[in-house]
Every structure is written in C-alpha cells, then in structure tokens.
C-alpha atoms as a PDB file:
ATOM      1  CA  UNK A   1       0.000  -0.001  -0.001  1.00  0.00           C
ATOM      2  CA  UNK A   2       1.357   3.438  -0.871  1.00  0.00           C
ATOM      3  CA  UNK A   3       0.054   6.919  -0.311  1.00  0.00           C
ATOM      4  CA  UNK A   4       1.240   9.955  -2.195  1.00  0.00           C
ATOM      5  CA  UNK A   5       2.715  12.634   0.053  1.00  0.00           C
ATOM      6  CA  UNK A   6       2.634  16.382  -0.425  1.00  0.00           C
ATOM      7  CA  UNK A   7       6.033  16.175  -2.118  1.00  0.00           C
ATOM      8  CA  UNK A   8       4.671  13.663  -4.640  1.00  0.00           C
ATOM      9  CA  UNK A   9       6.787  10.778  -3.380  1.00  0.00           C
ATOM     10  CA  UNK A  10       5.219   7.641  -1.966  1.00  0.00           C
ATOM     11  CA  UNK A  11       4.911   7.446   1.833  1.00  0.00           C
ATOM     12  CA  UNK A  12       6.010   4.247   3.522  1.00  0.00           C
ATOM     13  CA  UNK A  13       3.071   2.290   4.965  1.00  0.00           C
ATOM     14  CA  UNK A  14       3.560   0.603   8.344  1.00  0.00           C
ATOM     15  CA  UNK A  15       1.142  -1.552  10.295  1.00  0.00           C
ATOM     16  CA  UNK A  16       1.108  -0.994  14.077  1.00  0.00           C
ATOM     17  CA  UNK A  17      -0.840  -3.369  16.333  1.00  0.00           C
ATOM     18  CA  UNK A  18      -1.184  -2.424  19.996  1.00  0.00           C
ATOM     19  CA  UNK A  19      -3.085  -5.415  21.409  1.00  0.00           C
ATOM     20  CA  UNK A  20      -3.592  -4.224  24.981  1.00  0.00           C
ATOM     21  CA  UNK A  21      -3.297  -1.160  27.218  1.00  0.00           C
ATOM     22  CA  UNK A  22       0.210  -2.213  28.315  1.00  0.00           C
ATOM     23  CA  UNK A  23       1.355  -2.113  24.673  1.00  0.00           C
ATOM     24  CA  UNK A  24      -0.307   1.284  24.148  1.00  0.00           C
ATOM     25  CA  UNK A  25       1.475   2.615  27.235  1.00  0.00           C
ATOM     26  CA  UNK A  26       4.821   1.148  26.126  1.00  0.00           C
ATOM     27  CA  UNK A  27       4.780   2.439  22.541  1.00  0.00           C
ATOM     28  CA  UNK A  28       2.863   5.725  22.818  1.00  0.00           C
ATOM     29  CA  UNK A  29       5.172   8.757  22.809  1.00  0.00           C
ATOM     30  CA  UNK A  30       3.220  11.409  24.786  1.00  0.00           C
ATOM     31  CA  UNK A  31       6.093  13.896  24.917  1.00  0.00           C
ATOM     32  CA  UNK A  32       5.970  14.480  21.170  1.00  0.00           C
ATOM     33  CA  UNK A  33       3.788  17.409  20.143  1.00  0.00           C
ATOM     34  CA  UNK A  34       0.592  15.982  18.617  1.00  0.00           C
ATOM     35  CA  UNK A  35       1.471  12.489  19.864  1.00  0.00           C
ATOM     36  CA  UNK A  36       3.329   9.648  18.263  1.00  0.00           C
ATOM     37  CA  UNK A  37       4.280   6.004  18.556  1.00  0.00           C
ATOM     38  CA  UNK A  38       7.461   3.993  18.698  1.00  0.00           C
ATOM     39  CA  UNK A  39       7.571   1.324  15.989  1.00  0.00           C
ATOM     40  CA  UNK A  40      10.039  -1.527  16.502  1.00  0.00           C
ATOM     41  CA  UNK A  41      11.390  -2.477  13.085  1.00  0.00           C
ATOM     42  CA  UNK A  42      14.648  -3.714  11.587  1.00  0.00           C
ATOM     43  CA  UNK A  43      13.881  -1.520   8.554  1.00  0.00           C
ATOM     44  CA  UNK A  44      14.860   1.872   9.930  1.00  0.00           C
ATOM     45  CA  UNK A  45      13.758   4.937   7.983  1.00  0.00           C
ATOM     46  CA  UNK A  46      15.652   8.233   7.858  1.00  0.00           C
ATOM     47  CA  UNK A  47      14.616  11.172  10.029  1.00  0.00           C
ATOM     48  CA  UNK A  48      11.899  13.232   8.354  1.00  0.00           C
ATOM     49  CA  UNK A  49      10.514  10.334   6.280  1.00  0.00           C
ATOM     50  CA  UNK A  50       6.751  10.544   5.845  1.00  0.00           C
ATOM     51  CA  UNK A  51       4.887   7.372   6.763  1.00  0.00           C
ATOM     52  CA  UNK A  52       1.323   6.131   6.724  1.00  0.00           C
ATOM     53  CA  UNK A  53       0.574   4.256   9.933  1.00  0.00           C
ATOM     54  CA  UNK A  54      -2.264   1.771  10.020  1.00  0.00           C
ATOM     55  CA  UNK A  55      -2.896   1.541  13.764  1.00  0.00           C
ATOM     56  CA  UNK A  56      -4.901  -1.156  15.557  1.00  0.00           C
ATOM     57  CA  UNK A  57      -5.788  -0.353  19.162  1.00  0.00           C
ATOM     58  CA  UNK A  58      -7.365  -2.543  21.868  1.00  0.00           C
ATOM     59  CA  UNK A  59     -10.670  -0.610  21.744  1.00  0.00           C
ATOM     60  CA  UNK A  60     -12.290  -2.994  19.204  1.00  0.00           C
ATOM     61  CA  UNK A  61     -12.614  -0.252  16.593  1.00  0.00           C
ATOM     62  CA  UNK A  62     -11.300  -0.806  13.051  1.00  0.00           C
ATOM     63  CA  UNK A  63      -7.653  -0.032  12.414  1.00  0.00           C
ATOM     64  CA  UNK A  64      -7.144   3.594  11.572  1.00  0.00           C
ATOM     65  CA  UNK A  65      -4.826   5.417   9.175  1.00  0.00           C
ATOM     66  CA  UNK A  66      -2.727   8.341  10.366  1.00  0.00           C
ATOM     67  CA  UNK A  67       0.032  10.204   8.569  1.00  0.00           C
ATOM     68  CA  UNK A  68       3.275  10.663  10.442  1.00  0.00           C
ATOM     69  CA  UNK A  69       6.896  11.696  10.221  1.00  0.00           C
ATOM     70  CA  UNK A  70       9.962   9.890  11.569  1.00  0.00           C
ATOM     71  CA  UNK A  71      11.363  12.015  14.419  1.00  0.00           C
ATOM     72  CA  UNK A  72      13.369   9.392  16.337  1.00  0.00           C
ATOM     73  CA  UNK A  73      15.632   6.513  15.347  1.00  0.00           C
ATOM     74  CA  UNK A  74      16.944   3.830  17.713  1.00  0.00           C
ATOM     75  CA  UNK A  75      19.772   2.105  15.801  1.00  0.00           C
ATOM     76  CA  UNK A  76      20.352  -1.652  16.142  1.00  0.00           C
ATOM     77  CA  UNK A  77      23.718  -1.167  17.842  1.00  0.00           C
ATOM     78  CA  UNK A  78      22.496   1.173  20.607  1.00  0.00           C
ATOM     79  CA  UNK A  79      24.193   0.922  23.992  1.00  0.00           C
ATOM     80  CA  UNK A  80      20.931   0.274  25.881  1.00  0.00           C
ATOM     81  CA  UNK A  81      20.322  -2.996  24.041  1.00  0.00           C
ATOM     82  CA  UNK A  82      16.898  -1.849  22.840  1.00  0.00           C
ATOM     83  CA  UNK A  83      15.457  -3.265  19.611  1.00  0.00           C
ATOM     84  CA  UNK A  84      15.858  -1.061  16.520  1.00  0.00           C
ATOM     85  CA  UNK A  85      12.907   1.299  16.214  1.00  0.00           C
ATOM     86  CA  UNK A  86      11.612   4.549  14.793  1.00  0.00           C
ATOM     87  CA  UNK A  87       9.550   7.173  16.576  1.00  0.00           C
ATOM     88  CA  UNK A  88       6.753   8.501  14.391  1.00  0.00           C
ATOM     89  CA  UNK A  89       5.077  11.831  15.166  1.00  0.00           C
ATOM     90  CA  UNK A  90       1.420  12.082  14.142  1.00  0.00           C
ATOM     91  CA  UNK A  91       1.166  14.755  11.447  1.00  0.00           C
ATOM     92  CA  UNK A  92      -2.402  14.597  10.201  1.00  0.00           C
ATOM     93  CA  UNK A  93      -4.601  12.649  12.629  1.00  0.00           C
ATOM     94  CA  UNK A  94      -7.966  12.891  10.885  1.00  0.00           C
ATOM     95  CA  UNK A  95      -9.047   9.496  12.227  1.00  0.00           C
ATOM     96  CA  UNK A  96      -8.811  10.402  15.934  1.00  0.00           C
ATOM     97  CA  UNK A  97      -6.028   7.940  16.812  1.00  0.00           C
ATOM     98  CA  UNK A  98      -4.507  10.262  19.428  1.00  0.00           C
ATOM     99  CA  UNK A  99      -7.846  10.590  21.232  1.00  0.00           C
ATOM    100  CA  UNK A 100      -8.338   6.809  21.132  1.00  0.00           C
ATOM    101  CA  UNK A 101      -4.867   6.293  22.611  1.00  0.00           C
ATOM    102  CA  UNK A 102      -5.504   8.867  25.339  1.00  0.00           C
ATOM    103  CA  UNK A 103      -8.841   7.195  26.138  1.00  0.00           C
ATOM    104  CA  UNK A 104      -7.112   3.807  26.434  1.00  0.00           C
ATOM    105  CA  UNK A 105      -4.613   5.312  28.882  1.00  0.00           C
ATOM    106  CA  UNK A 106      -7.072   7.504  30.814  1.00  0.00           C
ATOM    107  CA  UNK A 107      -7.186   5.231  33.877  1.00  0.00           C
ATOM    108  CA  UNK A 108      -3.396   4.986  34.185  1.00  0.00           C
ATOM    109  CA  UNK A 109      -1.139   7.442  36.084  1.00  0.00           C
ATOM    110  CA  UNK A 110      -0.026  10.373  33.933  1.00  0.00           C
ATOM    111  CA  UNK A 111       3.512  11.418  33.122  1.00  0.00           C
ATOM    112  CA  UNK A 112       3.364  15.166  32.555  1.00  0.00           C
ATOM    113  CA  UNK A 113       6.885  15.497  31.159  1.00  0.00           C
ATOM    114  CA  UNK A 114       8.174  18.105  28.763  1.00  0.00           C
ATOM    115  CA  UNK A 115       6.501  18.080  25.338  1.00  0.00           C
ATOM    116  CA  UNK A 116       9.051  17.881  22.525  1.00  0.00           C
ATOM    117  CA  UNK A 117       8.466  19.804  19.307  1.00  0.00           C
ATOM    118  CA  UNK A 118       9.973  18.553  16.055  1.00  0.00           C
END
C-alpha cells in the first residue's frame, strides 16, 4: 500500500498493532507534540521520512490510518540494548487515533513530562 505525500513521493506504509493497554502505554510517545508512537522495526527509515501508519488499538474499533513523520531513530547497535525502532510523530490525525490512545490510557497514572516539538 502506498500513499502519495505532499512532495509527490510515496509514503512508507507501516502496520502498528497495539493489542492491549500495556502495549499502548509502552509504545505511545506522549512527549511528542501531537502524539506519536514507537515502531520496533529492523527496517529503519531516515529522520523526516513521511509514513502512513495503520494503527490497531485494543478498543475494538477498526484499524485507523494516520500520517506521520519519523522524528526518532533507535539504531540496532544502541548501547541500551533496545530493539531497533523509529519514533513517528502524528502529522495529520484525521481518524482520531490520538484521542483513542488517550482514552485507552485515561485510567493509568499520567507522566506530565516536557513536550518535545519537532
């Protein structure tokens, strides 16, 4: 699946499945302005790459598309031993994914850290 971006190039399409609230809490990136998710993948994309995320959440609603931009890269050889991953900032959330994520996390303690702008 490909989606044309504003620059005319094809956006990369990634499927993200967050099966339960623990997964939503682990992969949601609340400190990114507009929200975002961490996507573990061996196929790292360069910073600034536009992506189309197809996100499945544990709220039993259909998976939803949301445009995003790569704002974080965890390389495979990182010193923390974390899996390779990209952080994707939501750019055009017309499907309400951010609100659905916040609803899923509404009963959990909040972390009101600094919001990062990219």
